[in-house]
N, C-alpha and C. Protein backbone atom coordinates (compact mmCIF):
# COMPACT_ATOMS: atom_id res chain seq x y z
N MET A 1 -96.17 -21.50 -15.13
CA MET A 1 -95.55 -22.48 -14.30
C MET A 1 -95.69 -22.08 -12.85
N ASN A 2 -95.82 -23.03 -12.11
CA ASN A 2 -95.96 -22.85 -10.68
C ASN A 2 -94.55 -22.71 -10.10
N PRO A 3 -94.31 -21.71 -9.16
CA PRO A 3 -92.98 -21.51 -8.62
C PRO A 3 -92.46 -22.73 -7.89
N GLU A 4 -93.29 -23.56 -7.42
CA GLU A 4 -92.81 -24.75 -6.73
C GLU A 4 -92.31 -25.79 -7.71
N GLU A 5 -92.64 -25.64 -8.92
CA GLU A 5 -92.25 -26.64 -9.90
C GLU A 5 -91.04 -26.21 -10.74
N LEU A 6 -90.52 -25.03 -10.50
CA LEU A 6 -89.38 -24.57 -11.26
C LEU A 6 -88.16 -25.45 -10.96
N PRO A 7 -87.41 -25.81 -11.95
CA PRO A 7 -86.23 -26.64 -11.72
C PRO A 7 -85.04 -25.80 -11.22
N LEU A 8 -84.94 -25.58 -9.97
CA LEU A 8 -83.83 -24.81 -9.39
C LEU A 8 -82.71 -25.76 -8.99
N ARG A 9 -81.55 -25.28 -9.22
CA ARG A 9 -80.38 -26.06 -8.84
C ARG A 9 -79.57 -25.28 -7.81
N ASP A 10 -78.73 -26.02 -7.08
CA ASP A 10 -77.87 -25.38 -6.10
C ASP A 10 -76.87 -24.45 -6.81
N ILE A 11 -76.30 -23.51 -6.05
CA ILE A 11 -75.27 -22.62 -6.59
C ILE A 11 -74.03 -23.46 -6.89
N HIS A 12 -73.49 -23.26 -8.05
CA HIS A 12 -72.27 -23.96 -8.44
C HIS A 12 -71.08 -23.01 -8.28
N LEU A 13 -70.12 -23.38 -7.44
CA LEU A 13 -68.92 -22.58 -7.25
C LEU A 13 -67.93 -22.92 -8.35
N PRO A 14 -67.09 -21.94 -8.72
CA PRO A 14 -66.07 -22.25 -9.74
C PRO A 14 -65.03 -23.21 -9.17
N ASP A 15 -64.30 -23.85 -10.06
CA ASP A 15 -63.23 -24.76 -9.64
C ASP A 15 -62.19 -23.95 -8.86
N PRO A 16 -61.54 -24.59 -7.87
CA PRO A 16 -60.50 -23.87 -7.12
C PRO A 16 -59.35 -23.47 -8.04
N ILE A 17 -58.70 -22.38 -7.69
CA ILE A 17 -57.57 -21.89 -8.49
C ILE A 17 -56.41 -22.86 -8.34
N GLY A 18 -55.86 -23.27 -9.45
CA GLY A 18 -54.74 -24.21 -9.44
C GLY A 18 -53.44 -23.54 -9.02
N TRP A 19 -52.49 -24.32 -8.59
CA TRP A 19 -51.21 -23.77 -8.15
C TRP A 19 -50.30 -23.50 -9.34
N TRP A 20 -50.63 -24.06 -10.51
CA TRP A 20 -49.80 -23.82 -11.69
C TRP A 20 -50.62 -23.21 -12.78
N PRO A 21 -50.17 -22.27 -13.47
CA PRO A 21 -48.92 -21.52 -13.38
C PRO A 21 -49.00 -20.47 -12.28
N PRO A 22 -47.88 -20.19 -11.66
CA PRO A 22 -47.87 -19.18 -10.59
C PRO A 22 -48.14 -17.78 -11.14
N ALA A 23 -48.55 -16.93 -10.28
CA ALA A 23 -48.80 -15.54 -10.64
C ALA A 23 -47.47 -14.85 -10.99
N PRO A 24 -47.52 -13.77 -11.76
CA PRO A 24 -46.29 -13.08 -12.16
C PRO A 24 -45.41 -12.65 -10.98
N GLY A 25 -46.00 -12.29 -9.87
CA GLY A 25 -45.20 -11.89 -8.70
C GLY A 25 -44.32 -13.01 -8.19
N TRP A 26 -44.83 -14.24 -8.24
CA TRP A 26 -44.01 -15.38 -7.82
C TRP A 26 -42.85 -15.61 -8.78
N TRP A 27 -43.09 -15.40 -10.08
CA TRP A 27 -42.01 -15.53 -11.07
C TRP A 27 -40.92 -14.49 -10.80
N MET A 28 -41.34 -13.27 -10.50
CA MET A 28 -40.36 -12.22 -10.21
C MET A 28 -39.58 -12.54 -8.94
N LEU A 29 -40.26 -13.04 -7.92
CA LEU A 29 -39.58 -13.42 -6.69
C LEU A 29 -38.57 -14.54 -6.94
N ALA A 30 -38.96 -15.53 -7.73
CA ALA A 30 -38.05 -16.63 -8.05
C ALA A 30 -36.84 -16.12 -8.82
N GLY A 31 -37.06 -15.22 -9.78
CA GLY A 31 -35.95 -14.64 -10.54
C GLY A 31 -35.02 -13.84 -9.65
N LEU A 32 -35.58 -13.07 -8.73
CA LEU A 32 -34.77 -12.30 -7.80
C LEU A 32 -33.94 -13.21 -6.91
N MET A 33 -34.56 -14.28 -6.43
CA MET A 33 -33.83 -15.22 -5.58
C MET A 33 -32.68 -15.89 -6.35
N LEU A 34 -32.93 -16.26 -7.60
CA LEU A 34 -31.86 -16.85 -8.41
C LEU A 34 -30.73 -15.85 -8.65
N ALA A 35 -31.09 -14.60 -8.89
CA ALA A 35 -30.06 -13.57 -9.09
C ALA A 35 -29.23 -13.37 -7.83
N VAL A 36 -29.86 -13.36 -6.67
CA VAL A 36 -29.13 -13.20 -5.40
C VAL A 36 -28.22 -14.40 -5.16
N ILE A 37 -28.71 -15.59 -5.42
CA ILE A 37 -27.89 -16.80 -5.24
C ILE A 37 -26.69 -16.77 -6.19
N ALA A 38 -26.92 -16.37 -7.45
CA ALA A 38 -25.83 -16.29 -8.42
C ALA A 38 -24.80 -15.25 -7.98
N TRP A 39 -25.26 -14.10 -7.47
CA TRP A 39 -24.35 -13.05 -7.03
C TRP A 39 -23.53 -13.54 -5.82
N LEU A 40 -24.19 -14.19 -4.87
CA LEU A 40 -23.48 -14.72 -3.70
C LEU A 40 -22.43 -15.75 -4.10
N PHE A 41 -22.75 -16.61 -5.05
CA PHE A 41 -21.80 -17.61 -5.54
C PHE A 41 -20.61 -16.92 -6.19
N TRP A 42 -20.89 -15.89 -7.00
CA TRP A 42 -19.83 -15.15 -7.67
C TRP A 42 -18.90 -14.49 -6.64
N ARG A 43 -19.48 -13.86 -5.61
CA ARG A 43 -18.68 -13.21 -4.56
C ARG A 43 -17.83 -14.25 -3.80
N TRP A 44 -18.41 -15.40 -3.54
CA TRP A 44 -17.69 -16.46 -2.85
C TRP A 44 -16.49 -16.91 -3.69
N GLN A 45 -16.71 -17.07 -5.01
CA GLN A 45 -15.62 -17.47 -5.90
C GLN A 45 -14.52 -16.41 -5.93
N GLN A 46 -14.91 -15.13 -5.97
CA GLN A 46 -13.94 -14.03 -5.97
C GLN A 46 -13.10 -14.07 -4.70
N GLN A 47 -13.78 -14.25 -3.57
CA GLN A 47 -13.08 -14.29 -2.28
C GLN A 47 -12.13 -15.48 -2.23
N LYS A 48 -12.58 -16.60 -2.75
CA LYS A 48 -11.76 -17.81 -2.76
C LYS A 48 -10.50 -17.60 -3.61
N ARG A 49 -10.68 -16.97 -4.78
CA ARG A 49 -9.53 -16.69 -5.64
C ARG A 49 -8.56 -15.72 -4.97
N ALA A 50 -9.11 -14.72 -4.29
CA ALA A 50 -8.26 -13.75 -3.60
C ALA A 50 -7.46 -14.44 -2.50
N GLU A 51 -8.11 -15.32 -1.75
CA GLU A 51 -7.42 -16.05 -0.69
C GLU A 51 -6.31 -16.93 -1.26
N GLN A 52 -6.59 -17.59 -2.39
CA GLN A 52 -5.58 -18.43 -3.02
C GLN A 52 -4.40 -17.58 -3.49
N GLY A 53 -4.70 -16.39 -4.02
CA GLY A 53 -3.64 -15.50 -4.46
C GLY A 53 -2.77 -15.04 -3.31
N LEU A 54 -3.39 -14.77 -2.17
CA LEU A 54 -2.61 -14.35 -1.00
C LEU A 54 -1.76 -15.50 -0.46
N GLU A 55 -2.31 -16.70 -0.49
CA GLU A 55 -1.52 -17.86 -0.06
C GLU A 55 -0.33 -18.07 -0.99
N SER A 56 -0.54 -17.88 -2.29
CA SER A 56 0.56 -17.99 -3.25
C SER A 56 1.61 -16.92 -3.00
N ALA A 57 1.15 -15.72 -2.64
CA ALA A 57 2.08 -14.63 -2.35
C ALA A 57 2.93 -14.95 -1.13
N LEU A 58 2.34 -15.55 -0.11
CA LEU A 58 3.12 -15.94 1.07
C LEU A 58 4.14 -17.02 0.73
N LEU A 59 3.75 -17.96 -0.13
CA LEU A 59 4.71 -18.98 -0.56
C LEU A 59 5.84 -18.36 -1.38
N GLU A 60 5.48 -17.39 -2.22
CA GLU A 60 6.49 -16.68 -3.02
C GLU A 60 7.44 -15.91 -2.10
N LEU A 61 6.92 -15.33 -1.05
CA LEU A 61 7.75 -14.61 -0.08
C LEU A 61 8.77 -15.55 0.55
N GLU A 62 8.34 -16.74 0.92
CA GLU A 62 9.27 -17.72 1.50
C GLU A 62 10.34 -18.13 0.49
N ARG A 63 9.92 -18.30 -0.77
CA ARG A 63 10.88 -18.66 -1.82
C ARG A 63 11.91 -17.55 -2.02
N LEU A 64 11.44 -16.31 -2.04
CA LEU A 64 12.36 -15.18 -2.21
C LEU A 64 13.35 -15.11 -1.05
N GLN A 65 12.86 -15.35 0.14
CA GLN A 65 13.73 -15.29 1.32
C GLN A 65 14.83 -16.36 1.22
N ARG A 66 14.47 -17.55 0.76
CA ARG A 66 15.47 -18.61 0.61
C ARG A 66 16.43 -18.30 -0.54
N GLN A 67 15.90 -17.82 -1.66
CA GLN A 67 16.71 -17.60 -2.85
C GLN A 67 17.67 -16.42 -2.71
N TYR A 68 17.21 -15.32 -2.12
CA TYR A 68 18.03 -14.11 -2.05
C TYR A 68 18.48 -13.80 -0.63
N GLY A 69 18.57 -14.77 0.22
CA GLY A 69 18.86 -14.56 1.63
C GLY A 69 19.94 -13.54 1.94
N THR A 70 21.09 -13.60 1.29
CA THR A 70 22.19 -12.69 1.61
C THR A 70 22.32 -11.56 0.59
N ASN A 71 21.66 -11.64 -0.52
CA ASN A 71 21.74 -10.60 -1.55
C ASN A 71 20.67 -9.54 -1.26
N THR A 72 21.03 -8.57 -0.47
CA THR A 72 20.09 -7.57 0.02
C THR A 72 19.40 -6.81 -1.10
N LYS A 73 20.17 -6.32 -2.03
CA LYS A 73 19.62 -5.48 -3.11
C LYS A 73 18.58 -6.25 -3.92
N ASP A 74 18.90 -7.46 -4.34
CA ASP A 74 17.95 -8.25 -5.13
C ASP A 74 16.73 -8.65 -4.31
N LEU A 75 16.95 -8.98 -3.05
CA LEU A 75 15.82 -9.35 -2.18
C LEU A 75 14.85 -8.19 -2.03
N LEU A 76 15.39 -7.00 -1.74
CA LEU A 76 14.52 -5.84 -1.58
C LEU A 76 13.79 -5.50 -2.88
N ARG A 77 14.48 -5.62 -4.00
CA ARG A 77 13.83 -5.37 -5.30
C ARG A 77 12.68 -6.37 -5.53
N GLU A 78 12.93 -7.63 -5.24
CA GLU A 78 11.89 -8.66 -5.44
C GLU A 78 10.74 -8.51 -4.46
N LEU A 79 11.04 -8.07 -3.24
CA LEU A 79 9.96 -7.81 -2.27
C LEU A 79 9.06 -6.68 -2.75
N SER A 80 9.68 -5.65 -3.31
CA SER A 80 8.90 -4.53 -3.84
C SER A 80 8.01 -5.00 -5.00
N VAL A 81 8.56 -5.84 -5.85
CA VAL A 81 7.78 -6.39 -6.97
C VAL A 81 6.63 -7.24 -6.45
N LEU A 82 6.91 -8.07 -5.46
CA LEU A 82 5.86 -8.93 -4.89
C LEU A 82 4.75 -8.08 -4.26
N LEU A 83 5.12 -7.08 -3.49
CA LEU A 83 4.11 -6.19 -2.89
C LEU A 83 3.26 -5.53 -3.96
N ARG A 84 3.90 -5.07 -5.02
CA ARG A 84 3.15 -4.41 -6.09
C ARG A 84 2.21 -5.39 -6.79
N ARG A 85 2.67 -6.62 -7.02
CA ARG A 85 1.80 -7.62 -7.66
C ARG A 85 0.58 -7.92 -6.80
N VAL A 86 0.79 -8.10 -5.50
CA VAL A 86 -0.32 -8.38 -4.60
C VAL A 86 -1.27 -7.20 -4.56
N ALA A 87 -0.72 -5.99 -4.48
CA ALA A 87 -1.57 -4.79 -4.43
C ALA A 87 -2.38 -4.63 -5.71
N ILE A 88 -1.78 -4.89 -6.85
CA ILE A 88 -2.52 -4.79 -8.12
C ILE A 88 -3.62 -5.83 -8.18
N SER A 89 -3.32 -7.04 -7.73
CA SER A 89 -4.36 -8.09 -7.77
C SER A 89 -5.50 -7.79 -6.81
N GLN A 90 -5.21 -7.11 -5.70
CA GLN A 90 -6.23 -6.83 -4.70
C GLN A 90 -6.99 -5.53 -4.96
N TYR A 91 -6.29 -4.51 -5.46
CA TYR A 91 -6.90 -3.18 -5.57
C TYR A 91 -6.99 -2.66 -7.00
N GLY A 92 -6.49 -3.39 -7.95
CA GLY A 92 -6.61 -3.00 -9.35
C GLY A 92 -5.43 -2.18 -9.84
N ARG A 93 -5.13 -2.37 -11.10
CA ARG A 93 -4.00 -1.69 -11.74
C ARG A 93 -4.18 -0.17 -11.73
N GLN A 94 -5.38 0.29 -11.96
CA GLN A 94 -5.67 1.72 -12.01
C GLN A 94 -5.26 2.42 -10.71
N THR A 95 -5.50 1.77 -9.58
CA THR A 95 -5.23 2.36 -8.27
C THR A 95 -3.75 2.30 -7.91
N VAL A 96 -3.06 1.24 -8.29
CA VAL A 96 -1.73 0.96 -7.76
C VAL A 96 -0.58 1.30 -8.71
N ALA A 97 -0.77 1.13 -9.99
CA ALA A 97 0.36 1.17 -10.93
C ALA A 97 1.16 2.48 -10.90
N GLY A 98 0.52 3.59 -10.70
CA GLY A 98 1.24 4.86 -10.75
C GLY A 98 1.89 5.28 -9.45
N LEU A 99 1.76 4.50 -8.40
CA LEU A 99 2.29 4.89 -7.09
C LEU A 99 3.78 4.60 -6.99
N THR A 100 4.55 5.60 -6.53
CA THR A 100 5.98 5.43 -6.32
C THR A 100 6.38 6.18 -5.06
N GLY A 101 7.54 5.86 -4.55
CA GLY A 101 8.12 6.59 -3.43
C GLY A 101 7.21 6.67 -2.21
N ALA A 102 7.07 7.90 -1.70
CA ALA A 102 6.28 8.12 -0.48
C ALA A 102 4.81 7.76 -0.69
N ALA A 103 4.28 8.00 -1.89
CA ALA A 103 2.87 7.66 -2.16
C ALA A 103 2.66 6.15 -2.09
N TRP A 104 3.64 5.38 -2.57
CA TRP A 104 3.57 3.92 -2.53
C TRP A 104 3.60 3.43 -1.08
N VAL A 105 4.50 3.98 -0.29
CA VAL A 105 4.61 3.59 1.12
C VAL A 105 3.33 3.97 1.87
N LYS A 106 2.80 5.17 1.59
CA LYS A 106 1.57 5.61 2.24
C LYS A 106 0.41 4.68 1.87
N PHE A 107 0.33 4.27 0.60
CA PHE A 107 -0.70 3.34 0.16
C PHE A 107 -0.60 2.02 0.94
N LEU A 108 0.62 1.48 1.04
CA LEU A 108 0.82 0.22 1.76
C LEU A 108 0.39 0.36 3.22
N ASP A 109 0.79 1.46 3.86
CA ASP A 109 0.41 1.67 5.26
C ASP A 109 -1.10 1.86 5.41
N ASP A 110 -1.71 2.60 4.49
CA ASP A 110 -3.16 2.81 4.55
C ASP A 110 -3.92 1.49 4.42
N LYS A 111 -3.49 0.65 3.51
CA LYS A 111 -4.17 -0.62 3.30
C LYS A 111 -3.90 -1.61 4.42
N ALA A 112 -2.81 -1.43 5.13
CA ALA A 112 -2.53 -2.28 6.29
C ALA A 112 -3.31 -1.80 7.50
N GLY A 113 -3.67 -0.53 7.51
CA GLY A 113 -4.38 0.02 8.65
C GLY A 113 -3.45 0.45 9.77
N LYS A 114 -2.16 0.36 9.52
CA LYS A 114 -1.17 0.80 10.50
C LYS A 114 0.14 1.06 9.77
N PRO A 115 1.05 1.81 10.39
CA PRO A 115 2.31 2.15 9.70
C PRO A 115 3.31 0.99 9.71
N LEU A 116 3.23 0.15 8.70
CA LEU A 116 4.17 -0.97 8.60
C LEU A 116 5.48 -0.58 7.91
N PHE A 117 5.39 0.27 6.89
CA PHE A 117 6.55 0.57 6.06
C PHE A 117 7.08 1.98 6.24
N SER A 118 6.51 2.76 7.11
CA SER A 118 6.99 4.13 7.33
C SER A 118 8.37 4.12 7.97
N GLY A 119 9.05 5.24 7.88
CA GLY A 119 10.36 5.37 8.53
C GLY A 119 11.46 4.65 7.78
N LYS A 120 12.27 3.88 8.50
CA LYS A 120 13.44 3.21 7.93
C LYS A 120 13.04 2.21 6.85
N LEU A 121 11.92 1.53 7.04
CA LEU A 121 11.51 0.54 6.05
C LEU A 121 11.14 1.20 4.72
N ALA A 122 10.63 2.40 4.76
CA ALA A 122 10.31 3.11 3.52
C ALA A 122 11.58 3.32 2.71
N HIS A 123 12.64 3.71 3.38
CA HIS A 123 13.93 3.91 2.73
C HIS A 123 14.43 2.60 2.13
N LEU A 124 14.33 1.52 2.89
CA LEU A 124 14.80 0.22 2.40
C LEU A 124 13.99 -0.25 1.20
N LEU A 125 12.72 0.03 1.21
CA LEU A 125 11.84 -0.47 0.15
C LEU A 125 11.91 0.39 -1.12
N THR A 126 12.12 1.68 -0.97
CA THR A 126 12.03 2.57 -2.15
C THR A 126 13.36 3.02 -2.70
N GLU A 127 14.43 3.02 -1.88
CA GLU A 127 15.71 3.56 -2.37
C GLU A 127 16.82 2.52 -2.52
N ILE A 128 16.97 1.65 -1.56
CA ILE A 128 18.09 0.70 -1.56
C ILE A 128 18.13 -0.17 -2.82
N PRO A 129 16.98 -0.66 -3.32
CA PRO A 129 17.06 -1.52 -4.52
C PRO A 129 17.65 -0.82 -5.74
N TYR A 130 17.70 0.51 -5.75
CA TYR A 130 18.17 1.24 -6.92
C TYR A 130 19.55 1.86 -6.72
N ARG A 131 20.17 1.60 -5.62
CA ARG A 131 21.51 2.12 -5.35
C ARG A 131 22.55 1.05 -5.66
N PRO A 132 23.81 1.49 -5.79
CA PRO A 132 24.87 0.49 -5.96
C PRO A 132 24.90 -0.46 -4.76
N GLU A 133 25.57 -1.53 -4.89
CA GLU A 133 25.59 -2.56 -3.85
C GLU A 133 25.70 -1.97 -2.45
N THR A 134 24.74 -2.27 -1.65
CA THR A 134 24.75 -1.86 -0.25
C THR A 134 24.20 -3.01 0.56
N GLN A 135 24.52 -3.01 1.83
CA GLN A 135 24.00 -4.02 2.73
C GLN A 135 22.98 -3.34 3.66
N ALA A 136 21.91 -4.01 3.92
CA ALA A 136 20.89 -3.47 4.82
C ALA A 136 20.22 -4.65 5.52
N GLU A 137 19.62 -4.35 6.62
CA GLU A 137 18.88 -5.37 7.39
C GLU A 137 17.54 -5.62 6.71
N THR A 138 17.31 -6.85 6.31
CA THR A 138 16.08 -7.15 5.57
C THR A 138 15.02 -7.87 6.40
N LYS A 139 15.37 -8.30 7.60
CA LYS A 139 14.39 -9.05 8.40
C LYS A 139 13.13 -8.25 8.67
N ALA A 140 13.30 -6.97 8.98
CA ALA A 140 12.14 -6.12 9.27
C ALA A 140 11.26 -5.95 8.03
N VAL A 141 11.88 -5.81 6.87
CA VAL A 141 11.10 -5.66 5.63
C VAL A 141 10.38 -6.96 5.30
N LEU A 142 11.05 -8.08 5.50
CA LEU A 142 10.41 -9.38 5.28
C LEU A 142 9.20 -9.55 6.20
N GLN A 143 9.38 -9.22 7.46
CA GLN A 143 8.29 -9.35 8.42
C GLN A 143 7.13 -8.41 8.07
N ALA A 144 7.44 -7.17 7.70
CA ALA A 144 6.40 -6.20 7.34
C ALA A 144 5.66 -6.66 6.08
N THR A 145 6.39 -7.20 5.12
CA THR A 145 5.76 -7.69 3.89
C THR A 145 4.83 -8.86 4.21
N ARG A 146 5.29 -9.79 5.02
CA ARG A 146 4.47 -10.94 5.41
C ARG A 146 3.20 -10.46 6.12
N GLU A 147 3.36 -9.54 7.04
CA GLU A 147 2.21 -9.03 7.79
C GLU A 147 1.23 -8.28 6.88
N TRP A 148 1.77 -7.49 5.94
CA TRP A 148 0.90 -6.75 5.02
C TRP A 148 0.06 -7.70 4.18
N ILE A 149 0.68 -8.75 3.67
CA ILE A 149 -0.05 -9.72 2.85
C ILE A 149 -1.14 -10.39 3.69
N LYS A 150 -0.81 -10.77 4.92
CA LYS A 150 -1.80 -11.43 5.77
C LYS A 150 -2.94 -10.49 6.12
N LEU A 151 -2.66 -9.20 6.27
CA LEU A 151 -3.70 -8.23 6.60
C LEU A 151 -4.69 -8.00 5.45
N GLN A 152 -4.32 -8.41 4.25
CA GLN A 152 -5.21 -8.19 3.10
C GLN A 152 -6.36 -9.20 3.07
N ARG A 153 -6.26 -10.26 3.86
CA ARG A 153 -7.35 -11.24 3.92
C ARG A 153 -8.58 -10.62 4.52
N GLY A 154 -9.71 -10.92 3.93
CA GLY A 154 -10.98 -10.49 4.48
C GLY A 154 -11.33 -9.04 4.24
N LYS A 155 -10.49 -8.30 3.53
CA LYS A 155 -10.82 -6.92 3.24
C LYS A 155 -11.59 -6.86 1.93
N ASP A 156 -12.47 -5.87 1.82
CA ASP A 156 -13.17 -5.66 0.55
C ASP A 156 -12.22 -4.97 -0.41
N HIS A 157 -12.12 -5.52 -1.60
CA HIS A 157 -11.23 -4.98 -2.60
C HIS A 157 -12.05 -4.58 -3.80
N VAL A 158 -11.38 -3.93 -4.68
CA VAL A 158 -11.94 -3.44 -5.95
C VAL A 158 -13.41 -3.53 -6.09
């Protein structure tokens, strides 16, 4: 055969690579993005629940103040219970349940970032509720409790 007569054809390129199915790296990236979105949603829900719990605690504080206004012993006992409930919900039972006396007051002050309950308020919060009928000034304890609950907003917990 004569070289001029050979049936030569143009070079045929392969078909372009399709966009589907994506390469494994894209699948991994999509899975990672879904995991991050799910984690962010979960954290948002946790924060929302914590905020609702703190709002409920503030409402409970107002109710206690109205209900036990002049009954110092019962009011102080209920304030201590409320503080403990909020602390357990925010920091976990393992961290809070065993704290009593000075350790409990120190925990409250540490989590507030300032000394809210030290000094006279520590005595009112830890001793007065367990003594026979006594009268004490509760306004400072009420204010410190309200401030402590408000300070728990936006903190990282458990």
